[in-house]
Amino acid sequence: MKREITFYRRFEADILSGKKTITIRDSSESHFEKGELLSVSRYEDGGYFCTIEVESVTPVLMSELTELHAAQENMTLDELKQVISEIYPGLNELYVISFHIR
């Protein structure tokens, strides 16, 4: 059985179009492994919308986030840091999960 990962509805179109190729999460979601297939659903309503394959899981500090991370999230670096701060207030130790749609 595939494990699941959820995304806010606002990210669905970017994921489906291939514009969003990473997600930045806290340690509670750092356990995914390279090659693992994940069922992707919307956080708000649990609606499934695709399957992704994990390419890598890499630790990163908030201060180490770059324009490349932002581009992979399809936003600016300032937007990325703002979104992360809203979802994980005060958290500095994060994990970059790189993926592609299967």
Protein backbone atom coordinates (compact mmCIF):
# COMPACT_ATOMS: atom_id res chain seq x y z
CA MET A 1 0.00 0.00 0.00
CA LYS A 2 1.29 3.43 -0.94
CA ARG A 3 1.85 5.98 1.76
CA GLU A 4 0.19 9.36 1.41
CA ILE A 5 1.30 12.96 1.41
CA THR A 6 -0.97 15.98 1.40
CA PHE A 7 -0.58 19.42 -0.15
CA TYR A 8 -2.66 22.54 0.24
CA ARG A 9 -5.13 22.97 -2.62
CA ARG A 10 -3.26 26.07 -3.84
CA PHE A 11 -0.31 23.88 -4.88
CA GLU A 12 -2.29 21.30 -6.89
CA ALA A 13 -2.03 22.99 -10.31
CA ASP A 14 1.73 23.60 -9.92
CA ILE A 15 2.31 19.95 -9.01
CA LEU A 16 0.20 18.65 -11.89
CA SER A 17 1.94 20.97 -14.38
CA GLY A 18 5.40 19.95 -13.16
CA LYS A 19 6.23 23.50 -11.99
CA LYS A 20 6.51 22.39 -8.35
CA THR A 21 9.11 19.63 -7.97
CA ILE A 22 9.97 19.84 -4.27
CA THR A 23 8.18 20.22 -0.99
CA ILE A 24 9.77 21.43 2.22
CA ARG A 25 8.55 19.68 5.35
CA ASP A 26 9.38 19.20 9.01
CA SER A 27 10.95 16.09 10.55
CA SER A 28 7.56 14.36 10.88
CA GLU A 29 7.57 13.93 7.09
CA SER A 30 11.29 13.25 6.59
CA HIS A 31 10.88 9.45 6.54
CA PHE A 32 10.09 9.04 2.84
CA GLU A 33 12.66 7.18 0.75
CA LYS A 34 14.11 7.55 -2.74
CA GLY A 35 11.98 5.63 -5.23
CA GLU A 36 8.94 5.51 -2.96
CA LEU A 37 5.59 6.17 -4.65
CA LEU A 38 3.22 8.42 -2.70
CA SER A 39 -0.48 9.04 -3.17
CA VAL A 40 -1.02 12.79 -3.24
CA SER A 41 -4.18 14.39 -1.92
CA ARG A 42 -5.44 17.81 -0.96
CA TYR A 43 -5.02 18.75 2.70
CA GLU A 44 -8.39 20.52 2.80
CA ASP A 45 -10.65 17.68 1.61
CA GLY A 46 -8.48 14.57 1.20
CA GLY A 47 -9.19 14.41 -2.53
CA TYR A 48 -6.59 12.34 -4.40
CA PHE A 49 -5.05 14.06 -7.44
CA CYS A 50 -1.86 12.23 -8.46
CA THR A 51 0.99 9.89 -7.55
CA ILE A 52 4.55 11.13 -7.12
CA GLU A 53 7.88 9.36 -6.90
CA VAL A 54 10.35 10.56 -4.28
CA GLU A 55 13.74 11.44 -5.79
CA SER A 56 15.49 12.46 -2.57
CA VAL A 57 15.01 13.70 0.99
CA THR A 58 17.64 16.21 2.08
CA PRO A 59 17.97 18.14 5.35
CA VAL A 60 18.15 21.93 5.00
CA LEU A 61 18.16 24.87 7.38
CA MET A 62 15.79 27.78 6.76
CA SER A 63 18.87 30.03 6.35
CA GLU A 64 20.20 27.71 3.62
CA LEU A 65 17.17 28.02 1.33
CA THR A 66 18.12 29.43 -2.07
CA GLU A 67 16.57 30.84 -5.22
CA LEU A 68 16.83 27.31 -6.67
CA HIS A 69 14.61 25.93 -3.90
CA ALA A 70 12.18 28.77 -4.56
CA ALA A 71 12.15 28.07 -8.32
CA GLN A 72 11.47 24.38 -7.62
CA GLU A 73 8.52 25.50 -5.48
CA ASN A 74 7.40 27.88 -8.28
CA MET A 75 7.67 30.99 -6.10
CA THR A 76 10.17 33.65 -5.08
CA LEU A 77 12.57 33.06 -2.19
CA ASP A 78 10.74 35.64 -0.06
CA GLU A 79 7.41 33.94 -0.79
CA LEU A 80 8.89 30.53 0.04
CA LYS A 81 10.27 31.69 3.39
CA GLN A 82 6.93 33.35 4.21
CA VAL A 83 4.93 30.20 3.40
CA ILE A 84 7.27 28.01 5.45
CA SER A 85 7.10 30.44 8.37
CA GLU A 86 3.29 30.30 8.26
CA ILE A 87 3.17 26.50 8.16
CA TYR A 88 6.09 25.83 10.55
CA PRO A 89 6.45 28.95 12.75
CA GLY A 90 9.88 29.18 14.39
CA LEU A 91 11.19 26.00 12.80
CA ASN A 92 14.70 26.12 11.33
CA GLU A 93 15.44 22.42 10.59
CA LEU A 94 13.58 21.33 7.48
CA TYR A 95 13.68 18.61 4.82
CA VAL A 96 13.53 19.07 1.05
CA ILE A 97 11.58 16.26 -0.60
CA SER A 98 12.33 16.24 -4.32
CA PHE A 99 9.78 14.43 -6.51
CA HIS A 100 8.27 13.94 -9.93
CA ILE A 101 4.80 12.86 -11.05
CA ARG A 102 4.36 9.21 -11.97
